[in-house]
Amino acid sequence: MSYTIKLLPSGHTFQAKPSQTIVEAAIDAGIHLPYGCRNGACGACKGKVVEGKVHLEDYQSSVISEEEIKNGMTLFCCAIATENLTIEIKELAITNNIRPKIFPVRVEALEKLTHDVMLMKLKLPSTDKLQFVAGQYLEFLLKDGKRRAFSIASPSHESNVLEIHLRLIPGGEFTEYVFKEMKEKSILRVEGPFGNFFLREESLKPIIFVAGGTGFAPIKGMIEESIQKGMRRPIKLYRGARILEDLYMDELCKKWANEYSHIEYIPVLSESLKEDKWMGRKGLVHEAVLEDFENLNDYQMYCCGAPQMVEVAHKAFIAHGLPEDEFFSDAFTFAAPTKK
C-alpha cells in the first residue's frame, strides 16, 4: 500500500509508503524537495499540507511552532502520510537526475588538520562514479544500522576520490572511532548524495559564504567547483572560528583570494589567544557580515555550521535586507553522545 502525494505549485505526484517520510519518498522518486538535516532540526523542509493528514514524528520545537502546525504547516522530513496528500512546497531545479545510491568506499587517506578535525579521503570503486552537486552530503552506514552524515568537501568533477572533513565529537561513537581506531584502506559503506545545499548557478548575484567550523567543507567544494567552471560572480568568504588553529586550510583560502580577483577571504576569530598574535577580524562571524554591508538585498547567502549559528545568522541577515529566498543553509546536527 502507498499514498499519492501531489505537489503544488508544480503539480507533480509521487508515491509514499506508510513507513516513509515525505522527504524520503520524494528522494526515492527523484523529486527534489528542499531539505537539510532530515531529523527535524533545521526547518529547510517546512511546507503546508493543503489536503490530507500526516503523522509528525520527533522534531525540534524551535523549528516549527504549534500555531504553524495548527495552520497546516509541517516538516516533511518528519511527516509520514496517513492518507493521500496535496502539499505545498517549492521544488528545486536540479537538471541532472541525481538519485542517492549505496556503494562501498575505501579510506584512501586520514590526515589530522587540527587536534579535532580529520580529513578523510574516500576512494570509489573503479567501476563506479558518483553523481553529485558540490555542497551535498553522504551518509555513512554503520553496522548497527545507524547513519552519520558528513558533507562532501570536494567538487563534483573530482568524483573518484571524495573528501570529507570530520570534527571529533566527544562521546560521538563514529568520530571517536575515526580518530582513535580507523585505519587507511578500511572499507566502508555510504549512501548519497543527499541535500540541497548547492550553488544556484542561474543567479548572477554576488555570493556571500558564511562558514563556521567544519561548515567550511561543503563551501570549499562549491568554491572549487565555481572556479573549475570559470564562474566570475563576486564571492566573499567569511570563516568563523574560535582560535587560529581552528582555521584549518587557511592557506588554501588565501590562495583563492590571491589568484582570483573576484574572491575575497575574511577570517573571523571569536576567542583568539594571545599566542595567536591575531591582527584580523574578531567577534562572531555573522556580525562581521553585518558590519560590512548596509543592506543585503542584492546578495545571495550560503551559510553552513552549527544549528544555533545558522539560525541566528538567518534572522540577522533577513532583518538586514536579505531576501528570504536568497538564504541557503546547511545546519550540522550531531548524534547524541554514546552513554558510558
C-alpha atoms as a PDB file:
ATOM      1  CA  MET A   1       0.000   0.000   0.000  1.00  0.00           C
ATOM      2  CA  SER A   2       1.143   3.529  -0.716  1.00  0.00           C
ATOM      3  CA  TYR A   3      -0.276   7.033  -0.726  1.00  0.00           C
ATOM      4  CA  THR A   4      -0.266   9.530  -3.593  1.00  0.00           C
ATOM      5  CA  ILE A   5       1.424  12.840  -2.836  1.00  0.00           C
ATOM      6  CA  LYS A   6       0.547  15.770  -5.093  1.00  0.00           C
ATOM      7  CA  LEU A   7       2.882  18.761  -5.121  1.00  0.00           C
ATOM      8  CA  LEU A   8       1.843  22.363  -5.509  1.00  0.00           C
ATOM      9  CA  PRO A   9       2.611  24.515  -7.396  1.00  0.00           C
ATOM     10  CA  SER A  10       4.362  22.066  -9.768  1.00  0.00           C
ATOM     11  CA  GLY A  11       1.507  19.523  -9.980  1.00  0.00           C
ATOM     12  CA  HIS A  12       3.980  16.616  -9.840  1.00  0.00           C
ATOM     13  CA  THR A  13       2.937  13.466  -7.994  1.00  0.00           C
ATOM     14  CA  PHE A  14       4.806  10.608  -6.328  1.00  0.00           C
ATOM     15  CA  GLN A  15       4.063   7.644  -4.082  1.00  0.00           C
ATOM     16  CA  ALA A  16       4.881   7.351  -0.371  1.00  0.00           C
ATOM     17  CA  LYS A  17       4.911   4.150   1.637  1.00  0.00           C
ATOM     18  CA  PRO A  18       3.396   4.226   5.161  1.00  0.00           C
ATOM     19  CA  SER A  19       6.900   3.715   6.565  1.00  0.00           C
ATOM     20  CA  GLN A  20       8.445   6.658   4.697  1.00  0.00           C
ATOM     21  CA  THR A  21       8.630  10.339   5.479  1.00  0.00           C
ATOM     22  CA  ILE A  22       7.553  12.629   2.657  1.00  0.00           C
ATOM     23  CA  VAL A  23      11.180  13.650   2.025  1.00  0.00           C
ATOM     24  CA  GLU A  24      12.325  10.002   1.874  1.00  0.00           C
ATOM     25  CA  ALA A  25       9.581   9.163  -0.605  1.00  0.00           C
ATOM     26  CA  ALA A  26      10.434  12.205  -2.738  1.00  0.00           C
ATOM     27  CA  ILE A  27      14.111  11.220  -2.824  1.00  0.00           C
ATOM     28  CA  ASP A  28      13.180   7.701  -3.962  1.00  0.00           C
ATOM     29  CA  ALA A  29      11.001   9.195  -6.696  1.00  0.00           C
ATOM     30  CA  GLY A  30      13.685  11.571  -7.922  1.00  0.00           C
ATOM     31  CA  ILE A  31      11.656  14.602  -6.762  1.00  0.00           C
ATOM     32  CA  HIS A  32      13.849  17.371  -5.361  1.00  0.00           C
ATOM     33  CA  LEU A  33      12.185  18.850  -2.281  1.00  0.00           C
ATOM     34  CA  PRO A  34      14.139  21.243  -0.083  1.00  0.00           C
ATOM     35  CA  TYR A  35      15.622  19.551   2.981  1.00  0.00           C
ATOM     36  CA  GLY A  36      18.753  19.661   5.089  1.00  0.00           C
ATOM     37  CA  CYS A  37      19.239  17.694   8.299  1.00  0.00           C
ATOM     38  CA  ARG A  38      16.406  15.148   7.740  1.00  0.00           C
ATOM     39  CA  ASN A  39      15.764  14.976  11.504  1.00  0.00           C
ATOM     40  CA  GLY A  40      13.569  17.994  12.232  1.00  0.00           C
ATOM     41  CA  ALA A  41      16.314  20.343  13.332  1.00  0.00           C
ATOM     42  CA  CYS A  42      16.854  22.864  10.522  1.00  0.00           C
ATOM     43  CA  GLY A  43      13.428  23.717   9.068  1.00  0.00           C
ATOM     44  CA  ALA A  44      14.553  23.626   5.417  1.00  0.00           C
ATOM     45  CA  CYS A  45      11.724  21.212   4.531  1.00  0.00           C
ATOM     46  CA  LYS A  46       8.906  23.215   6.101  1.00  0.00           C
ATOM     47  CA  GLY A  47       5.790  23.360   3.957  1.00  0.00           C
ATOM     48  CA  LYS A  48       1.998  23.199   4.002  1.00  0.00           C
ATOM     49  CA  VAL A  49      -0.387  20.248   3.965  1.00  0.00           C
ATOM     50  CA  VAL A  50      -3.252  21.505   1.764  1.00  0.00           C
ATOM     51  CA  GLU A  51      -5.309  18.292   1.788  1.00  0.00           C
ATOM     52  CA  GLY A  52      -4.957  15.097   3.795  1.00  0.00           C
ATOM     53  CA  LYS A  53      -3.317  14.226   7.104  1.00  0.00           C
ATOM     54  CA  VAL A  54       0.192  13.368   8.266  1.00  0.00           C
ATOM     55  CA  HIS A  55       1.745  11.947  11.396  1.00  0.00           C
ATOM     56  CA  LEU A  56       4.571  14.184  12.581  1.00  0.00           C
ATOM     57  CA  GLU A  57       7.447  12.294  14.205  1.00  0.00           C
ATOM     58  CA  ASP A  58      10.027  13.774  16.602  1.00  0.00           C
ATOM     59  CA  TYR A  59      11.268  17.275  15.736  1.00  0.00           C
ATOM     60  CA  GLN A  60      12.816  20.286  17.470  1.00  0.00           C
ATOM     61  CA  SER A  61      10.125  22.656  18.733  1.00  0.00           C
ATOM     62  CA  SER A  62      12.256  25.707  17.906  1.00  0.00           C
ATOM     63  CA  VAL A  63      11.898  24.918  14.177  1.00  0.00           C
ATOM     64  CA  ILE A  64       8.097  24.880  13.899  1.00  0.00           C
ATOM     65  CA  SER A  65       5.512  26.235  16.336  1.00  0.00           C
ATOM     66  CA  GLU A  66       2.263  24.643  17.491  1.00  0.00           C
ATOM     67  CA  GLU A  67       0.431  27.536  15.855  1.00  0.00           C
ATOM     68  CA  GLU A  68       2.067  26.763  12.499  1.00  0.00           C
ATOM     69  CA  ILE A  69       1.126  23.090  12.807  1.00  0.00           C
ATOM     70  CA  LYS A  70      -2.498  24.037  13.564  1.00  0.00           C
ATOM     71  CA  ASN A  71      -2.457  26.127  10.372  1.00  0.00           C
ATOM     72  CA  GLY A  72      -1.373  23.150   8.281  1.00  0.00           C
ATOM     73  CA  MET A  73       2.383  23.626   8.231  1.00  0.00           C
ATOM     74  CA  THR A  74       4.678  20.660   8.814  1.00  0.00           C
ATOM     75  CA  LEU A  75       8.252  19.414   8.461  1.00  0.00           C
ATOM     76  CA  PHE A  76       8.276  16.999   5.555  1.00  0.00           C
ATOM     77  CA  CYS A  77      11.424  15.241   6.778  1.00  0.00           C
ATOM     78  CA  CYS A  78       9.433  14.119   9.853  1.00  0.00           C
ATOM     79  CA  ALA A  79       5.959  13.854   8.349  1.00  0.00           C
ATOM     80  CA  ILE A  80       4.506  10.459   7.372  1.00  0.00           C
ATOM     81  CA  ALA A  81       1.395  10.363   5.205  1.00  0.00           C
ATOM     82  CA  THR A  82      -1.650   8.616   6.689  1.00  0.00           C
ATOM     83  CA  GLU A  83      -3.721   9.179   3.512  1.00  0.00           C
ATOM     84  CA  ASN A  84      -3.361  10.744   0.060  1.00  0.00           C
ATOM     85  CA  LEU A  85      -1.948  14.249   0.316  1.00  0.00           C
ATOM     86  CA  THR A  86      -1.763  17.537  -1.510  1.00  0.00           C
ATOM     87  CA  ILE A  87       1.179  19.542  -0.208  1.00  0.00           C
ATOM     88  CA  GLU A  88       2.581  22.954  -0.983  1.00  0.00           C
ATOM     89  CA  ILE A  89       6.354  23.334  -1.168  1.00  0.00           C
ATOM     90  CA  LYS A  90       8.658  24.629  -3.876  1.00  0.00           C
ATOM     91  CA  GLU A  91      10.603  22.014  -5.822  1.00  0.00           C
ATOM     92  CA  LEU A  92      14.272  22.583  -6.526  1.00  0.00           C
ATOM     93  CA  ALA A  93      15.606  22.746 -10.058  1.00  0.00           C
ATOM     94  CA  ILE A  94      18.373  20.163 -10.398  1.00  0.00           C
ATOM     95  CA  THR A  95      18.859  19.469 -14.083  1.00  0.00           C
ATOM     96  CA  ASN A  96      20.718  16.164 -13.801  1.00  0.00           C
ATOM     97  CA  ASN A  97      18.502  13.439 -12.387  1.00  0.00           C
ATOM     98  CA  ILE A  98      20.602  12.550  -9.349  1.00  0.00           C
ATOM     99  CA  ARG A  99      19.327   9.825  -7.046  1.00  0.00           C
ATOM    100  CA  PRO A 100      21.097   8.521  -3.942  1.00  0.00           C
ATOM    101  CA  LYS A 101      22.672   5.080  -4.076  1.00  0.00           C
ATOM    102  CA  ILE A 102      24.562   2.801  -1.695  1.00  0.00           C
ATOM    103  CA  PHE A 103      28.160   1.953  -2.593  1.00  0.00           C
ATOM    104  CA  PRO A 104      31.399   0.826  -0.909  1.00  0.00           C
ATOM    105  CA  VAL A 105      34.342   3.178  -0.429  1.00  0.00           C
ATOM    106  CA  ARG A 106      37.928   2.631   0.661  1.00  0.00           C
ATOM    107  CA  VAL A 107      39.575   5.012   3.119  1.00  0.00           C
ATOM    108  CA  GLU A 108      42.404   6.297   0.947  1.00  0.00           C
ATOM    109  CA  ALA A 109      43.863   8.731   3.490  1.00  0.00           C
ATOM    110  CA  LEU A 110      43.375  10.050   7.010  1.00  0.00           C
ATOM    111  CA  GLU A 111      45.042  13.340   7.927  1.00  0.00           C
ATOM    112  CA  LYS A 112      44.593  15.398  11.075  1.00  0.00           C
ATOM    113  CA  LEU A 113      44.077  19.036  10.099  1.00  0.00           C
ATOM    114  CA  THR A 114      43.786  20.174  13.732  1.00  0.00           C
ATOM    115  CA  HIS A 115      43.544  18.356  17.057  1.00  0.00           C
ATOM    116  CA  ASP A 116      39.827  17.767  16.422  1.00  0.00           C
ATOM    117  CA  VAL A 117      39.361  17.912  12.621  1.00  0.00           C
ATOM    118  CA  MET A 118      40.192  14.950  10.407  1.00  0.00           C
ATOM    119  CA  LEU A 119      40.497  14.984   6.624  1.00  0.00           C
ATOM    120  CA  MET A 120      39.232  11.693   5.207  1.00  0.00           C
ATOM    121  CA  LYS A 121      39.642  10.774   1.541  1.00  0.00           C
ATOM    122  CA  LEU A 122      37.342   8.080   0.203  1.00  0.00           C
ATOM    123  CA  LYS A 123      38.148   6.126  -2.944  1.00  0.00           C
ATOM    124  CA  LEU A 124      35.223   4.882  -5.028  1.00  0.00           C
ATOM    125  CA  PRO A 125      35.323   1.567  -6.900  1.00  0.00           C
ATOM    126  CA  SER A 126      36.952   1.946 -10.325  1.00  0.00           C
ATOM    127  CA  THR A 127      33.690   0.848 -11.954  1.00  0.00           C
ATOM    128  CA  ASP A 128      31.632   3.445 -10.069  1.00  0.00           C
ATOM    129  CA  LYS A 129      31.207   7.187 -10.457  1.00  0.00           C
ATOM    130  CA  LEU A 130      29.175   9.254  -8.038  1.00  0.00           C
ATOM    131  CA  GLN A 131      26.955  11.928  -9.498  1.00  0.00           C
ATOM    132  CA  PHE A 132      26.546  14.808  -7.076  1.00  0.00           C
ATOM    133  CA  VAL A 133      26.447  18.581  -6.868  1.00  0.00           C
ATOM    134  CA  ALA A 134      29.112  20.330  -4.794  1.00  0.00           C
ATOM    135  CA  GLY A 135      27.745  21.041  -1.316  1.00  0.00           C
ATOM    136  CA  GLN A 136      25.733  17.835  -0.926  1.00  0.00           C
ATOM    137  CA  TYR A 137      26.450  15.200   1.730  1.00  0.00           C
ATOM    138  CA  LEU A 138      26.952  11.464   2.239  1.00  0.00           C
ATOM    139  CA  GLU A 139      25.668   9.191   4.973  1.00  0.00           C
ATOM    140  CA  PHE A 140      27.955   6.527   6.426  1.00  0.00           C
ATOM    141  CA  LEU A 141      26.031   3.297   7.038  1.00  0.00           C
ATOM    142  CA  LEU A 142      27.174   1.808  10.336  1.00  0.00           C
ATOM    143  CA  LYS A 143      26.977  -1.864  11.275  1.00  0.00           C
ATOM    144  CA  ASP A 144      24.316  -1.251  13.921  1.00  0.00           C
ATOM    145  CA  GLY A 145      22.009   0.330  11.352  1.00  0.00           C
ATOM    146  CA  LYS A 146      22.742   3.902  12.409  1.00  0.00           C
ATOM    147  CA  ARG A 147      23.799   6.600   9.965  1.00  0.00           C
ATOM    148  CA  ARG A 148      26.184   9.525  10.179  1.00  0.00           C
ATOM    149  CA  ALA A 149      26.015  12.401   7.706  1.00  0.00           C
ATOM    150  CA  PHE A 150      29.016  14.421   6.503  1.00  0.00           C
ATOM    151  CA  SER A 151      29.317  16.979   3.723  1.00  0.00           C
ATOM    152  CA  ILE A 152      31.384  16.286   0.639  1.00  0.00           C
ATOM    153  CA  ALA A 153      34.236  18.817   0.644  1.00  0.00           C
ATOM    154  CA  SER A 154      35.352  18.158  -2.917  1.00  0.00           C
ATOM    155  CA  PRO A 155      33.884  19.483  -6.193  1.00  0.00           C
ATOM    156  CA  SER A 156      31.829  17.206  -8.415  1.00  0.00           C
ATOM    157  CA  HIS A 157      34.484  16.972 -11.139  1.00  0.00           C
ATOM    158  CA  GLU A 158      36.691  15.145  -8.615  1.00  0.00           C
ATOM    159  CA  SER A 159      34.247  12.290  -8.133  1.00  0.00           C
ATOM    160  CA  ASN A 160      36.690   9.344  -7.919  1.00  0.00           C
ATOM    161  CA  VAL A 161      38.100  10.438  -4.539  1.00  0.00           C
ATOM    162  CA  LEU A 162      35.718  12.189  -2.151  1.00  0.00           C
ATOM    163  CA  GLU A 163      36.968  14.499   0.587  1.00  0.00           C
ATOM    164  CA  ILE A 164      35.242  14.609   3.986  1.00  0.00           C
ATOM    165  CA  HIS A 165      36.035  16.841   6.992  1.00  0.00           C
ATOM    166  CA  LEU A 166      35.111  15.274  10.351  1.00  0.00           C
ATOM    167  CA  ARG A 167      35.101  17.090  13.669  1.00  0.00           C
ATOM    168  CA  LEU A 168      35.741  14.954  16.744  1.00  0.00           C
ATOM    169  CA  ILE A 169      32.616  14.958  18.903  1.00  0.00           C
ATOM    170  CA  PRO A 170      33.432  13.911  22.495  1.00  0.00           C
ATOM    171  CA  GLY A 171      31.404  10.764  23.152  1.00  0.00           C
ATOM    172  CA  GLY A 172      30.481  10.547  19.482  1.00  0.00           C
ATOM    173  CA  GLU A 173      30.706   6.880  18.581  1.00  0.00           C
ATOM    174  CA  PHE A 174      31.623   7.282  14.919  1.00  0.00           C
ATOM    175  CA  THR A 175      34.022  10.226  15.117  1.00  0.00           C
ATOM    176  CA  GLU A 176      35.872   8.720  18.093  1.00  0.00           C
ATOM    177  CA  TYR A 177      36.279   5.516  16.082  1.00  0.00           C
ATOM    178  CA  VAL A 178      37.649   7.505  13.115  1.00  0.00           C
ATOM    179  CA  PHE A 179      40.138   9.409  15.281  1.00  0.00           C
ATOM    180  CA  LYS A 180      41.274   6.551  17.510  1.00  0.00           C
ATOM    181  CA  GLU A 181      40.865   3.267  15.632  1.00  0.00           C
ATOM    182  CA  MET A 182      40.174   3.614  11.920  1.00  0.00           C
ATOM    183  CA  LYS A 183      42.976   2.615   9.571  1.00  0.00           C
ATOM    184  CA  GLU A 184      43.676   3.595   5.996  1.00  0.00           C
ATOM    185  CA  LYS A 185      42.402   1.030   3.439  1.00  0.00           C
ATOM    186  CA  SER A 186      39.331   0.340   5.613  1.00  0.00           C
ATOM    187  CA  ILE A 187      36.185  -0.401   3.623  1.00  0.00           C
ATOM    188  CA  LEU A 188      33.015   1.497   4.496  1.00  0.00           C
ATOM    189  CA  ARG A 189      29.506   1.686   3.072  1.00  0.00           C
ATOM    190  CA  VAL A 190      27.961   5.037   2.278  1.00  0.00           C
ATOM    191  CA  GLU A 191      24.775   6.323   0.685  1.00  0.00           C
ATOM    192  CA  GLY A 192      24.372   9.553  -1.206  1.00  0.00           C
ATOM    193  CA  PRO A 193      24.288  12.165  -2.355  1.00  0.00           C
ATOM    194  CA  PHE A 194      21.706  13.957  -0.219  1.00  0.00           C
ATOM    195  CA  GLY A 195      20.851  17.590   0.451  1.00  0.00           C
ATOM    196  CA  ASN A 196      20.118  20.758  -1.468  1.00  0.00           C
ATOM    197  CA  PHE A 197      22.901  22.975  -0.199  1.00  0.00           C
ATOM    198  CA  PHE A 198      24.442  23.744  -3.570  1.00  0.00           C
ATOM    199  CA  LEU A 199      25.240  26.788  -5.673  1.00  0.00           C
ATOM    200  CA  ARG A 200      22.292  28.278  -7.549  1.00  0.00           C
ATOM    201  CA  GLU A 201      24.151  28.838 -10.807  1.00  0.00           C
ATOM    202  CA  GLU A 202      21.235  30.507 -12.593  1.00  0.00           C
ATOM    203  CA  SER A 203      21.654  33.625 -10.409  1.00  0.00           C
ATOM    204  CA  LEU A 204      24.019  36.474 -11.255  1.00  0.00           C
ATOM    205  CA  LYS A 205      24.003  37.954  -7.749  1.00  0.00           C
ATOM    206  CA  PRO A 206      27.247  38.315  -5.769  1.00  0.00           C
ATOM    207  CA  ILE A 207      27.736  35.464  -3.292  1.00  0.00           C
ATOM    208  CA  ILE A 208      28.427  35.625   0.442  1.00  0.00           C
ATOM    209  CA  PHE A 209      29.603  32.359   2.012  1.00  0.00           C
ATOM    210  CA  VAL A 210      29.498  32.104   5.826  1.00  0.00           C
ATOM    211  CA  ALA A 211      31.201  29.039   7.305  1.00  0.00           C
ATOM    212  CA  GLY A 212      31.538  28.059  10.942  1.00  0.00           C
ATOM    213  CA  GLY A 213      33.998  25.270  11.842  1.00  0.00           C
ATOM    214  CA  THR A 214      33.690  22.273   9.518  1.00  0.00           C
ATOM    215  CA  GLY A 215      30.829  24.099   7.825  1.00  0.00           C
ATOM    216  CA  PHE A 216      33.699  25.116   5.568  1.00  0.00           C
ATOM    217  CA  ALA A 217      33.619  21.636   3.951  1.00  0.00           C
ATOM    218  CA  PRO A 218      30.656  21.984   1.545  1.00  0.00           C
ATOM    219  CA  ILE A 219      31.535  25.615   0.853  1.00  0.00           C
ATOM    220  CA  LYS A 220      35.052  24.544  -0.156  1.00  0.00           C
ATOM    221  CA  GLY A 221      33.507  22.179  -2.693  1.00  0.00           C
ATOM    222  CA  MET A 222      31.235  24.893  -4.074  1.00  0.00           C
ATOM    223  CA  ILE A 223      34.055  27.418  -4.453  1.00  0.00           C
ATOM    224  CA  GLU A 224      36.328  24.889  -6.169  1.00  0.00           C
ATOM    225  CA  GLU A 225      33.500  23.896  -8.494  1.00  0.00           C
ATOM    226  CA  SER A 226      32.787  27.535  -9.369  1.00  0.00           C
ATOM    227  CA  ILE A 227      36.477  28.068 -10.166  1.00  0.00           C
ATOM    228  CA  GLN A 228      36.600  24.957 -12.342  1.00  0.00           C
ATOM    229  CA  LYS A 229      33.535  26.157 -14.289  1.00  0.00           C
ATOM    230  CA  GLY A 230      35.048  29.607 -14.817  1.00  0.00           C
ATOM    231  CA  MET A 231      32.332  31.439 -12.909  1.00  0.00           C
ATOM    232  CA  ARG A 232      33.174  35.065 -12.127  1.00  0.00           C
ATOM    233  CA  ARG A 233      30.406  36.087  -9.740  1.00  0.00           C
ATOM    234  CA  PRO A 234      31.930  38.098  -6.878  1.00  0.00           C
ATOM    235  CA  ILE A 235      32.489  35.881  -3.813  1.00  0.00           C
ATOM    236  CA  LYS A 236      33.081  36.941  -0.223  1.00  0.00           C
ATOM    237  CA  LEU A 237      34.051  34.036   2.042  1.00  0.00           C
ATOM    238  CA  TYR A 238      33.576  34.664   5.775  1.00  0.00           C
ATOM    239  CA  ARG A 239      35.008  31.929   8.001  1.00  0.00           C
ATOM    240  CA  GLY A 240      34.311  31.860  11.714  1.00  0.00           C
ATOM    241  CA  ALA A 241      36.489  30.005  14.211  1.00  0.00           C
ATOM    242  CA  ARG A 242      37.270  30.184  17.901  1.00  0.00           C
ATOM    243  CA  ILE A 243      41.076  30.308  17.762  1.00  0.00           C
ATOM    244  CA  LEU A 244      43.650  30.457  14.971  1.00  0.00           C
ATOM    245  CA  GLU A 245      44.282  26.686  14.951  1.00  0.00           C
ATOM    246  CA  ASP A 246      40.626  26.106  14.118  1.00  0.00           C
ATOM    247  CA  LEU A 247      41.036  27.908  10.777  1.00  0.00           C
ATOM    248  CA  TYR A 248      42.168  24.755   9.023  1.00  0.00           C
ATOM    249  CA  MET A 249      43.051  25.071   5.309  1.00  0.00           C
ATOM    250  CA  ASP A 250      43.557  28.790   5.864  1.00  0.00           C
ATOM    251  CA  GLU A 251      46.351  28.856   3.272  1.00  0.00           C
ATOM    252  CA  LEU A 252      44.038  27.411   0.623  1.00  0.00           C
ATOM    253  CA  CYS A 253      41.538  30.225   1.212  1.00  0.00           C
ATOM    254  CA  LYS A 254      44.322  32.811   0.944  1.00  0.00           C
ATOM    255  CA  LYS A 255      45.459  31.158  -2.289  1.00  0.00           C
ATOM    256  CA  TRP A 256      41.980  31.524  -3.797  1.00  0.00           C
ATOM    257  CA  ALA A 257      41.890  35.210  -2.840  1.00  0.00           C
ATOM    258  CA  ASN A 258      45.385  35.820  -4.258  1.00  0.00           C
ATOM    259  CA  GLU A 259      44.791  34.019  -7.547  1.00  0.00           C
ATOM    260  CA  TYR A 260      41.213  35.099  -8.311  1.00  0.00           C
ATOM    261  CA  SER A 261      40.274  38.771  -8.208  1.00  0.00           C
ATOM    262  CA  HIS A 262      36.562  38.013  -7.701  1.00  0.00           C
ATOM    263  CA  ILE A 263      37.185  36.094  -4.433  1.00  0.00           C
ATOM    264  CA  GLU A 264      37.707  37.840  -1.085  1.00  0.00           C
ATOM    265  CA  TYR A 265      38.523  35.949   2.124  1.00  0.00           C
ATOM    266  CA  ILE A 266      37.568  37.274   5.584  1.00  0.00           C
ATOM    267  CA  PRO A 267      38.512  35.026   8.542  1.00  0.00           C
ATOM    268  CA  VAL A 268      36.993  35.931  11.931  1.00  0.00           C
ATOM    269  CA  LEU A 269      38.072  34.644  15.361  1.00  0.00           C
ATOM    270  CA  SER A 270      35.756  34.792  18.374  1.00  0.00           C
ATOM    271  CA  GLU A 271      38.228  33.850  21.156  1.00  0.00           C
ATOM    272  CA  SER A 272      41.702  34.422  19.736  1.00  0.00           C
ATOM    273  CA  LEU A 273      44.582  33.518  22.053  1.00  0.00           C
ATOM    274  CA  LYS A 274      47.445  35.807  22.961  1.00  0.00           C
ATOM    275  CA  GLU A 275      49.872  33.420  21.247  1.00  0.00           C
ATOM    276  CA  ASP A 276      47.809  33.643  18.056  1.00  0.00           C
ATOM    277  CA  LYS A 277      49.013  37.232  17.610  1.00  0.00           C
ATOM    278  CA  TRP A 278      45.825  37.724  15.666  1.00  0.00           C
ATOM    279  CA  MET A 279      45.534  41.027  13.817  1.00  0.00           C
ATOM    280  CA  GLY A 280      42.438  40.144  11.814  1.00  0.00           C
ATOM    281  CA  ARG A 281      38.712  40.453  12.460  1.00  0.00           C
ATOM    282  CA  LYS A 282      37.341  39.459  15.859  1.00  0.00           C
ATOM    283  CA  GLY A 283      33.888  38.526  17.138  1.00  0.00           C
ATOM    284  CA  LEU A 284      31.084  36.411  15.698  1.00  0.00           C
ATOM    285  CA  VAL A 285      31.286  35.653  12.005  1.00  0.00           C
ATOM    286  CA  HIS A 286      27.733  36.704  11.112  1.00  0.00           C
ATOM    287  CA  GLU A 287      28.272  40.031  12.880  1.00  0.00           C
ATOM    288  CA  ALA A 288      31.298  40.663  10.664  1.00  0.00           C
ATOM    289  CA  VAL A 289      28.997  40.346   7.642  1.00  0.00           C
ATOM    290  CA  LEU A 290      26.525  42.816   9.140  1.00  0.00           C
ATOM    291  CA  GLU A 291      29.343  45.290   9.794  1.00  0.00           C
ATOM    292  CA  ASP A 292      30.459  45.151   6.152  1.00  0.00           C
ATOM    293  CA  PHE A 293      27.079  45.645   4.445  1.00  0.00           C
ATOM    294  CA  GLU A 294      24.482  48.348   4.894  1.00  0.00           C
ATOM    295  CA  ASN A 295      21.912  46.188   3.135  1.00  0.00           C
ATOM    296  CA  LEU A 296      21.985  42.592   1.856  1.00  0.00           C
ATOM    297  CA  ASN A 297      19.166  42.951  -0.661  1.00  0.00           C
ATOM    298  CA  ASP A 298      21.379  42.401  -3.714  1.00  0.00           C
ATOM    299  CA  TYR A 299      23.231  39.313  -2.435  1.00  0.00           C
ATOM    300  CA  GLN A 300      22.852  35.556  -2.270  1.00  0.00           C
ATOM    301  CA  MET A 301      23.843  33.982   1.059  1.00  0.00           C
ATOM    302  CA  TYR A 302      25.140  30.451   1.749  1.00  0.00           C
ATOM    303  CA  CYS A 303      25.587  29.623   5.429  1.00  0.00           C
ATOM    304  CA  CYS A 304      26.859  26.400   6.997  1.00  0.00           C
ATOM    305  CA  GLY A 305      27.764  25.479  10.562  1.00  0.00           C
ATOM    306  CA  ALA A 306      26.224  24.680  13.926  1.00  0.00           C
ATOM    307  CA  PRO A 307      22.392  24.999  14.048  1.00  0.00           C
ATOM    308  CA  GLN A 308      22.460  27.874  16.533  1.00  0.00           C
ATOM    309  CA  MET A 309      24.887  29.864  14.372  1.00  0.00           C
ATOM    310  CA  VAL A 310      22.828  29.275  11.244  1.00  0.00           C
ATOM    311  CA  GLU A 311      19.560  30.190  12.984  1.00  0.00           C
ATOM    312  CA  VAL A 312      20.940  33.417  14.482  1.00  0.00           C
ATOM    313  CA  ALA A 313      22.619  34.366  11.207  1.00  0.00           C
ATOM    314  CA  HIS A 314      19.440  33.709   9.223  1.00  0.00           C
ATOM    315  CA  LYS A 315      17.340  36.013  11.378  1.00  0.00           C
ATOM    316  CA  ALA A 316      20.010  38.728  11.394  1.00  0.00           C
ATOM    317  CA  PHE A 317      20.561  38.632   7.624  1.00  0.00           C
ATOM    318  CA  ILE A 318      16.825  38.760   6.829  1.00  0.00           C
ATOM    319  CA  ALA A 319      16.467  41.743   9.171  1.00  0.00           C
ATOM    320  CA  HIS A 320      19.389  43.301   7.286  1.00  0.00           C
ATOM    321  CA  GLY A 321      17.556  43.171   3.965  1.00  0.00           C
ATOM    322  CA  LEU A 322      18.447  39.738   2.592  1.00  0.00           C
ATOM    323  CA  PRO A 323      15.515  38.295   0.601  1.00  0.00           C
ATOM    324  CA  GLU A 324      14.162  35.162   2.313  1.00  0.00           C
ATOM    325  CA  ASP A 325      14.566  33.102  -0.847  1.00  0.00           C
ATOM    326  CA  GLU A 326      18.234  34.057  -1.217  1.00  0.00           C
ATOM    327  CA  PHE A 327      19.336  32.382   2.034  1.00  0.00           C
ATOM    328  CA  PHE A 328      20.613  28.814   1.670  1.00  0.00           C
ATOM    329  CA  SER A 329      21.877  26.846   4.618  1.00  0.00           C
ATOM    330  CA  ASP A 330      23.135  23.548   5.926  1.00  0.00           C
ATOM    331  CA  ALA A 331      22.956  23.259   9.708  1.00  0.00           C
ATOM    332  CA  PHE A 332      25.128  20.488  11.162  1.00  0.00           C
ATOM    333  CA  THR A 333      23.341  18.374  13.739  1.00  0.00           C
ATOM    334  CA  PHE A 334      25.122  15.742  15.779  1.00  0.00           C
ATOM    335  CA  ALA A 335      24.082  12.352  17.044  1.00  0.00           C
ATOM    336  CA  ALA A 336      23.714  12.076  20.806  1.00  0.00           C
ATOM    337  CA  PRO A 337      26.948  11.054  22.540  1.00  0.00           C
ATOM    338  CA  THR A 338      27.321   7.406  23.432  1.00  0.00           C
ATOM    339  CA  LYS A 339      26.322   6.703  27.038  1.00  0.00           C
ATOM    340  CA  LYS A 340      29.059   5.047  29.091  1.00  0.00           C
END
